[in-house]
Amino acid sequence: MEGLADALACSADAECEVALPPDASGCCTLANATPMTKAYRASVATWSKAHCADFECPVEALPGARPAACFFVPRCLAKKCTNACNADGGAQFHGAHDLHDTTTP
């Protein structure tokens, strides 16, 4: 896929989002959401409209454990899109535990 916006380069949180990334074909999405720039997702959508009209996407299996809520909060950190978990010290999966309690496994 040529001509796409940068997937991660940012200068402000508002430029980032957490969304489903394209697969290798560019016509389908993967089941695991990831941080990316809004411009990248828009450029993938434009590319897909032009190249994927007759493409049929397989059904992806849903991922296992749901990430902590901070995973779905986009952040621009060190000029790269990431999520609030990375910006707030690395909280990841906590199940029923408090999302801010990183001492409980």
C-alpha atoms as a PDB file:
ATOM      1  CA  MET A   1       0.000   0.000   0.000  1.00  0.00           C
ATOM      2  CA  GLU A   2       1.690   3.146  -1.196  1.00  0.00           C
ATOM      3  CA  GLY A   3       0.857   6.749  -0.415  1.00  0.00           C
ATOM      4  CA  LEU A   4      -0.409   6.213   3.129  1.00  0.00           C
ATOM      5  CA  ALA A   5      -0.007   8.731   5.920  1.00  0.00           C
ATOM      6  CA  ASP A   6       2.439   7.817   8.702  1.00  0.00           C
ATOM      7  CA  ALA A   7       0.810   5.326  11.070  1.00  0.00           C
ATOM      8  CA  LEU A   8       2.335   6.680  14.286  1.00  0.00           C
ATOM      9  CA  ALA A   9       3.946  10.133  13.872  1.00  0.00           C
ATOM     10  CA  CYS A  10       2.039  12.800  15.814  1.00  0.00           C
ATOM     11  CA  SER A  11       2.404  16.115  17.592  1.00  0.00           C
ATOM     12  CA  ALA A  12      -0.772  16.069  19.746  1.00  0.00           C
ATOM     13  CA  ASP A  13      -3.156  13.553  21.339  1.00  0.00           C
ATOM     14  CA  ALA A  14      -5.961  14.728  19.024  1.00  0.00           C
ATOM     15  CA  GLU A  15      -4.092  13.271  16.017  1.00  0.00           C
ATOM     16  CA  CYS A  16      -4.221   9.747  17.462  1.00  0.00           C
ATOM     17  CA  GLU A  17      -6.890   7.093  17.909  1.00  0.00           C
ATOM     18  CA  VAL A  18      -7.133   3.437  18.834  1.00  0.00           C
ATOM     19  CA  ALA A  19      -8.615   1.494  15.937  1.00  0.00           C
ATOM     20  CA  LEU A  20      -8.410  -1.778  14.044  1.00  0.00           C
ATOM     21  CA  PRO A  21      -5.293  -1.855  11.839  1.00  0.00           C
ATOM     22  CA  PRO A  22      -5.308  -3.132   8.257  1.00  0.00           C
ATOM     23  CA  ASP A  23      -4.066  -6.624   7.529  1.00  0.00           C
ATOM     24  CA  ALA A  24      -1.264  -7.295   5.028  1.00  0.00           C
ATOM     25  CA  SER A  25      -3.674  -7.024   2.083  1.00  0.00           C
ATOM     26  CA  GLY A  26      -4.860  -3.567   3.156  1.00  0.00           C
ATOM     27  CA  CYS A  27      -8.418  -4.618   2.394  1.00  0.00           C
ATOM     28  CA  CYS A  28      -9.351  -6.146   5.752  1.00  0.00           C
ATOM     29  CA  THR A  29      -8.733  -5.274   9.384  1.00  0.00           C
ATOM     30  CA  LEU A  30      -7.149  -7.277  12.151  1.00  0.00           C
ATOM     31  CA  ALA A  31      -9.161  -8.036  15.303  1.00  0.00           C
ATOM     32  CA  ASN A  32      -6.744  -6.364  17.747  1.00  0.00           C
ATOM     33  CA  ALA A  33      -7.098  -2.591  18.104  1.00  0.00           C
ATOM     34  CA  THR A  34      -3.902  -0.564  18.158  1.00  0.00           C
ATOM     35  CA  PRO A  35      -2.904   3.118  18.422  1.00  0.00           C
ATOM     36  CA  MET A  36      -2.487   4.923  15.087  1.00  0.00           C
ATOM     37  CA  THR A  37      -2.909   8.357  13.558  1.00  0.00           C
ATOM     38  CA  LYS A  38      -6.320   9.437  12.340  1.00  0.00           C
ATOM     39  CA  ALA A  39      -4.650  10.466   9.070  1.00  0.00           C
ATOM     40  CA  TYR A  40      -3.294   6.940   8.620  1.00  0.00           C
ATOM     41  CA  ARG A  41      -6.695   5.342   9.142  1.00  0.00           C
ATOM     42  CA  ALA A  42      -8.270   7.804   6.709  1.00  0.00           C
ATOM     43  CA  SER A  43      -5.588   7.110   4.085  1.00  0.00           C
ATOM     44  CA  VAL A  44      -6.089   3.337   4.493  1.00  0.00           C
ATOM     45  CA  ALA A  45      -9.852   3.825   4.001  1.00  0.00           C
ATOM     46  CA  THR A  46      -9.244   5.832   0.806  1.00  0.00           C
ATOM     47  CA  TRP A  47      -6.777   3.223  -0.484  1.00  0.00           C
ATOM     48  CA  SER A  48      -9.193   0.386   0.350  1.00  0.00           C
ATOM     49  CA  LYS A  49     -12.081   2.035  -1.546  1.00  0.00           C
ATOM     50  CA  ALA A  50      -9.883   2.209  -4.638  1.00  0.00           C
ATOM     51  CA  HIS A  51      -8.401  -1.311  -4.416  1.00  0.00           C
ATOM     52  CA  CYS A  52     -10.718  -3.646  -2.505  1.00  0.00           C
ATOM     53  CA  ALA A  53     -14.138  -3.563  -4.168  1.00  0.00           C
ATOM     54  CA  ASP A  54     -14.233  -7.317  -4.845  1.00  0.00           C
ATOM     55  CA  PHE A  55     -12.163  -8.421  -1.863  1.00  0.00           C
ATOM     56  CA  GLU A  56     -13.832 -10.670   0.723  1.00  0.00           C
ATOM     57  CA  CYS A  57     -12.447 -10.486   4.253  1.00  0.00           C
ATOM     58  CA  PRO A  58     -12.244 -13.539   6.505  1.00  0.00           C
ATOM     59  CA  VAL A  59     -13.958 -13.426   9.891  1.00  0.00           C
ATOM     60  CA  GLU A  60     -11.339 -12.750  12.542  1.00  0.00           C
ATOM     61  CA  ALA A  61     -11.494 -14.492  15.905  1.00  0.00           C
ATOM     62  CA  LEU A  62     -11.920 -12.060  18.763  1.00  0.00           C
ATOM     63  CA  PRO A  63      -8.841 -11.613  20.950  1.00  0.00           C
ATOM     64  CA  GLY A  64      -8.752 -13.111  24.448  1.00  0.00           C
ATOM     65  CA  ALA A  65      -8.648 -10.826  27.486  1.00  0.00           C
ATOM     66  CA  ARG A  66      -9.941  -7.280  27.096  1.00  0.00           C
ATOM     67  CA  PRO A  67      -7.212  -4.709  27.758  1.00  0.00           C
ATOM     68  CA  ALA A  68      -7.521  -2.161  30.533  1.00  0.00           C
ATOM     69  CA  ALA A  69      -9.602   0.934  29.743  1.00  0.00           C
ATOM     70  CA  CYS A  70      -6.434   3.033  29.364  1.00  0.00           C
ATOM     71  CA  PHE A  71      -5.552   0.973  26.264  1.00  0.00           C
ATOM     72  CA  PHE A  72      -8.432   2.644  24.389  1.00  0.00           C
ATOM     73  CA  VAL A  73      -7.372   6.206  25.291  1.00  0.00           C
ATOM     74  CA  PRO A  74      -5.060   7.512  22.538  1.00  0.00           C
ATOM     75  CA  ARG A  75      -2.016   9.592  23.453  1.00  0.00           C
ATOM     76  CA  CYS A  76       0.816  11.218  21.527  1.00  0.00           C
ATOM     77  CA  LEU A  77       3.986  10.457  23.485  1.00  0.00           C
ATOM     78  CA  ALA A  78       7.470  11.246  22.201  1.00  0.00           C
ATOM     79  CA  LYS A  79       5.890  12.159  18.824  1.00  0.00           C
ATOM     80  CA  LYS A  80       4.386   8.669  18.360  1.00  0.00           C
ATOM     81  CA  CYS A  81       0.779   7.570  18.822  1.00  0.00           C
ATOM     82  CA  THR A  82       0.402   5.231  21.765  1.00  0.00           C
ATOM     83  CA  ASN A  83      -2.201   4.752  24.484  1.00  0.00           C
ATOM     84  CA  ALA A  84      -2.744   6.036  28.010  1.00  0.00           C
ATOM     85  CA  CYS A  85      -1.444   2.769  29.487  1.00  0.00           C
ATOM     86  CA  ASN A  86       2.002   3.517  28.058  1.00  0.00           C
ATOM     87  CA  ALA A  87       1.771   7.193  28.959  1.00  0.00           C
ATOM     88  CA  ASP A  88       0.713   6.389  32.538  1.00  0.00           C
ATOM     89  CA  GLY A  89       3.437   3.895  33.363  1.00  0.00           C
ATOM     90  CA  GLY A  90       2.510   0.674  31.615  1.00  0.00           C
ATOM     91  CA  ALA A  91      -0.740  -0.626  33.141  1.00  0.00           C
ATOM     92  CA  GLN A  92      -2.019  -3.337  30.816  1.00  0.00           C
ATOM     93  CA  PHE A  93      -4.364  -6.171  31.873  1.00  0.00           C
ATOM     94  CA  HIS A  94      -5.968  -6.039  35.304  1.00  0.00           C
ATOM     95  CA  GLY A  95      -9.245  -7.915  34.953  1.00  0.00           C
ATOM     96  CA  ALA A  96     -11.566  -6.893  37.773  1.00  0.00           C
ATOM     97  CA  HIS A  97      -8.839  -5.005  39.656  1.00  0.00           C
ATOM     98  CA  ASP A  98      -8.671  -1.232  39.802  1.00  0.00           C
ATOM     99  CA  LEU A  99      -7.108  -0.026  36.551  1.00  0.00           C
ATOM    100  CA  HIS A 100      -4.756   2.254  38.479  1.00  0.00           C
ATOM    101  CA  ASP A 101      -3.552  -0.483  40.818  1.00  0.00           C
ATOM    102  CA  THR A 102      -0.417  -1.798  39.105  1.00  0.00           C
ATOM    103  CA  THR A 103       0.737  -3.661  42.228  1.00  0.00           C
ATOM    104  CA  THR A 104      -2.005  -6.333  42.046  1.00  0.00           C
ATOM    105  CA  PRO A 105      -1.408  -9.084  39.460  1.00  0.00           C
END
